[in-house]
Amino acid sequence: MILGTGRPRTTRSNTNIKLGTRGVTEERTKFTLRQSFQLSIGFHSLQQIVKHGLHMHPYTIRIILACNPEDHLLVLEYKLVFLNMLIQMIIFSKLFGL
C-alpha cells in the first residue's frame, strides 16, 4: 500500500488548528463564517477543526442558568397555562368536529 498519494490535505494543519482553536475559544459568539474570513481559513476547514478537533457542535450548550426556588413556581404556572390551552383546543376541536 502506497501512503501519501493524492492531493495533500492542508485543512487540518497544525497552524490552522492552532489559529482555529484560538479564534473559536476567544470569541465563541462569533459566527464561523466571519471567523473563517478573519483567520484566512476556509469556512468548511474551520467547521471541521471546530467539530473534530475541539469537539464543539452547533447545538452545544454554552450557558446553564441556575434555577432558583421561586423559578419552580413560575415553571409550574407555565405548565398549568399550557395544559389549560391544550384542553381548550381539544374541547374546541370536538365541539366543531375539527
C-alpha atoms as a PDB file:
ATOM      1  CA  MET A   1       0.000   0.000   0.000  1.00  0.00           C
ATOM      2  CA  ILE A   2       1.422   3.366  -1.043  1.00  0.00           C
ATOM      3  CA  LEU A   3       0.927   6.151   1.501  1.00  0.00           C
ATOM      4  CA  GLY A   4       0.984   9.845   0.723  1.00  0.00           C
ATOM      5  CA  THR A   5      -0.524   9.665  -2.751  1.00  0.00           C
ATOM      6  CA  GLY A   6      -3.189  12.032  -3.940  1.00  0.00           C
ATOM      7  CA  ARG A   7      -3.915  15.618  -3.092  1.00  0.00           C
ATOM      8  CA  PRO A   8      -2.260  16.796   0.136  1.00  0.00           C
ATOM      9  CA  ARG A   9      -4.732  17.848   2.805  1.00  0.00           C
ATOM     10  CA  THR A  10      -3.864  21.173   4.379  1.00  0.00           C
ATOM     11  CA  THR A  11      -7.197  21.671   6.100  1.00  0.00           C
ATOM     12  CA  ARG A  12      -6.150  20.406   9.481  1.00  0.00           C
ATOM     13  CA  SER A  13      -2.540  21.511   9.519  1.00  0.00           C
ATOM     14  CA  ASN A  14      -1.068  22.346  12.912  1.00  0.00           C
ATOM     15  CA  THR A  15      -1.060  26.057  12.040  1.00  0.00           C
ATOM     16  CA  ASN A  16      -4.736  26.084  11.044  1.00  0.00           C
ATOM     17  CA  ILE A  17      -5.732  24.059  14.111  1.00  0.00           C
ATOM     18  CA  LYS A  18      -3.928  26.498  16.421  1.00  0.00           C
ATOM     19  CA  LEU A  19      -5.484  29.514  14.675  1.00  0.00           C
ATOM     20  CA  GLY A  20      -8.952  27.974  14.690  1.00  0.00           C
ATOM     21  CA  THR A  21      -8.707  26.866  18.311  1.00  0.00           C
ATOM     22  CA  ARG A  22      -7.561  30.266  19.499  1.00  0.00           C
ATOM     23  CA  GLY A  23     -10.149  32.128  17.405  1.00  0.00           C
ATOM     24  CA  VAL A  24     -13.083  29.970  18.465  1.00  0.00           C
ATOM     25  CA  THR A  25     -12.249  29.761  22.172  1.00  0.00           C
ATOM     26  CA  GLU A  26     -11.648  33.508  22.499  1.00  0.00           C
ATOM     27  CA  GLU A  27     -14.756  34.573  20.587  1.00  0.00           C
ATOM     28  CA  ARG A  28     -17.382  31.876  20.980  1.00  0.00           C
ATOM     29  CA  THR A  29     -20.319  34.021  19.935  1.00  0.00           C
ATOM     30  CA  LYS A  30     -18.881  34.997  16.549  1.00  0.00           C
ATOM     31  CA  PHE A  31     -20.209  33.160  13.517  1.00  0.00           C
ATOM     32  CA  THR A  32     -17.930  30.588  11.935  1.00  0.00           C
ATOM     33  CA  LEU A  33     -18.188  32.280   8.536  1.00  0.00           C
ATOM     34  CA  ARG A  34     -16.918  35.590   9.899  1.00  0.00           C
ATOM     35  CA  GLN A  35     -14.131  33.870  11.824  1.00  0.00           C
ATOM     36  CA  SER A  36     -13.018  31.968   8.751  1.00  0.00           C
ATOM     37  CA  PHE A  37     -12.606  35.266   6.857  1.00  0.00           C
ATOM     38  CA  GLN A  38     -10.686  36.850   9.710  1.00  0.00           C
ATOM     39  CA  LEU A  39      -8.390  33.846  10.190  1.00  0.00           C
ATOM     40  CA  SER A  40      -7.927  33.289   6.429  1.00  0.00           C
ATOM     41  CA  ILE A  41      -9.062  29.682   6.759  1.00  0.00           C
ATOM     42  CA  GLY A  42     -11.730  28.175   4.561  1.00  0.00           C
ATOM     43  CA  PHE A  43     -15.216  28.030   6.072  1.00  0.00           C
ATOM     44  CA  HIS A  44     -15.522  24.253   5.749  1.00  0.00           C
ATOM     45  CA  SER A  45     -11.985  23.795   7.087  1.00  0.00           C
ATOM     46  CA  LEU A  46     -12.791  25.821  10.200  1.00  0.00           C
ATOM     47  CA  GLN A  47     -16.012  23.869  10.674  1.00  0.00           C
ATOM     48  CA  GLN A  48     -14.060  20.615  10.574  1.00  0.00           C
ATOM     49  CA  ILE A  49     -11.484  21.928  13.050  1.00  0.00           C
ATOM     50  CA  VAL A  50     -14.219  23.047  15.439  1.00  0.00           C
ATOM     51  CA  LYS A  51     -16.223  19.836  15.092  1.00  0.00           C
ATOM     52  CA  HIS A  52     -13.488  17.205  15.058  1.00  0.00           C
ATOM     53  CA  GLY A  53     -10.607  18.987  16.791  1.00  0.00           C
ATOM     54  CA  LEU A  54     -12.454  20.822  19.551  1.00  0.00           C
ATOM     55  CA  HIS A  55     -15.491  18.503  19.707  1.00  0.00           C
ATOM     56  CA  MET A  56     -17.812  21.526  19.647  1.00  0.00           C
ATOM     57  CA  HIS A  57     -21.089  21.313  17.785  1.00  0.00           C
ATOM     58  CA  PRO A  58     -23.646  23.992  16.848  1.00  0.00           C
ATOM     59  CA  TYR A  59     -26.043  22.663  19.447  1.00  0.00           C
ATOM     60  CA  THR A  60     -23.546  22.703  22.325  1.00  0.00           C
ATOM     61  CA  ILE A  61     -24.996  24.330  25.447  1.00  0.00           C
ATOM     62  CA  ARG A  62     -22.752  27.208  26.397  1.00  0.00           C
ATOM     63  CA  ILE A  63     -24.606  28.762  29.326  1.00  0.00           C
ATOM     64  CA  ILE A  64     -26.528  26.981  32.031  1.00  0.00           C
ATOM     65  CA  LEU A  65     -28.605  29.212  34.258  1.00  0.00           C
ATOM     66  CA  ALA A  66     -29.059  28.496  37.921  1.00  0.00           C
ATOM     67  CA  CYS A  67     -32.570  27.504  38.904  1.00  0.00           C
ATOM     68  CA  ASN A  68     -33.815  29.382  41.942  1.00  0.00           C
ATOM     69  CA  PRO A  69     -36.570  28.074  44.240  1.00  0.00           C
ATOM     70  CA  GLU A  70     -39.005  30.748  43.017  1.00  0.00           C
ATOM     71  CA  ASP A  71     -38.428  29.591  39.435  1.00  0.00           C
ATOM     72  CA  HIS A  72     -40.182  26.310  40.207  1.00  0.00           C
ATOM     73  CA  LEU A  73     -43.437  28.161  40.824  1.00  0.00           C
ATOM     74  CA  LEU A  74     -43.115  30.001  37.513  1.00  0.00           C
ATOM     75  CA  VAL A  75     -42.477  26.740  35.681  1.00  0.00           C
ATOM     76  CA  LEU A  76     -45.489  25.149  37.367  1.00  0.00           C
ATOM     77  CA  GLU A  77     -47.663  28.134  36.428  1.00  0.00           C
ATOM     78  CA  TYR A  78     -46.480  27.915  32.806  1.00  0.00           C
ATOM     79  CA  LYS A  79     -47.277  24.206  32.711  1.00  0.00           C
ATOM     80  CA  LEU A  80     -50.790  24.826  34.027  1.00  0.00           C
ATOM     81  CA  VAL A  81     -51.438  27.587  31.478  1.00  0.00           C
ATOM     82  CA  PHE A  82     -50.182  25.351  28.668  1.00  0.00           C
ATOM     83  CA  LEU A  83     -52.285  22.428  29.903  1.00  0.00           C
ATOM     84  CA  ASN A  84     -55.405  24.635  30.025  1.00  0.00           C
ATOM     85  CA  MET A  85     -54.774  25.824  26.471  1.00  0.00           C
ATOM     86  CA  LEU A  86     -54.356  22.230  25.321  1.00  0.00           C
ATOM     87  CA  ILE A  87     -57.607  21.168  26.999  1.00  0.00           C
ATOM     88  CA  GLN A  88     -59.447  24.103  25.412  1.00  0.00           C
ATOM     89  CA  MET A  89     -58.102  23.153  21.982  1.00  0.00           C
ATOM     90  CA  ILE A  90     -59.255  19.546  22.442  1.00  0.00           C
ATOM     91  CA  ILE A  91     -62.735  20.642  23.574  1.00  0.00           C
ATOM     92  CA  PHE A  92     -62.967  23.130  20.692  1.00  0.00           C
ATOM     93  CA  SER A  93     -61.960  20.515  18.127  1.00  0.00           C
ATOM     94  CA  LYS A  94     -64.537  18.003  19.494  1.00  0.00           C
ATOM     95  CA  LEU A  95     -67.318  20.576  19.543  1.00  0.00           C
ATOM     96  CA  PHE A  96     -66.757  21.727  15.974  1.00  0.00           C
ATOM     97  CA  GLY A  97     -65.614  18.379  14.553  1.00  0.00           C
ATOM     98  CA  LEU A  98     -62.139  19.503  13.554  1.00  0.00           C
END
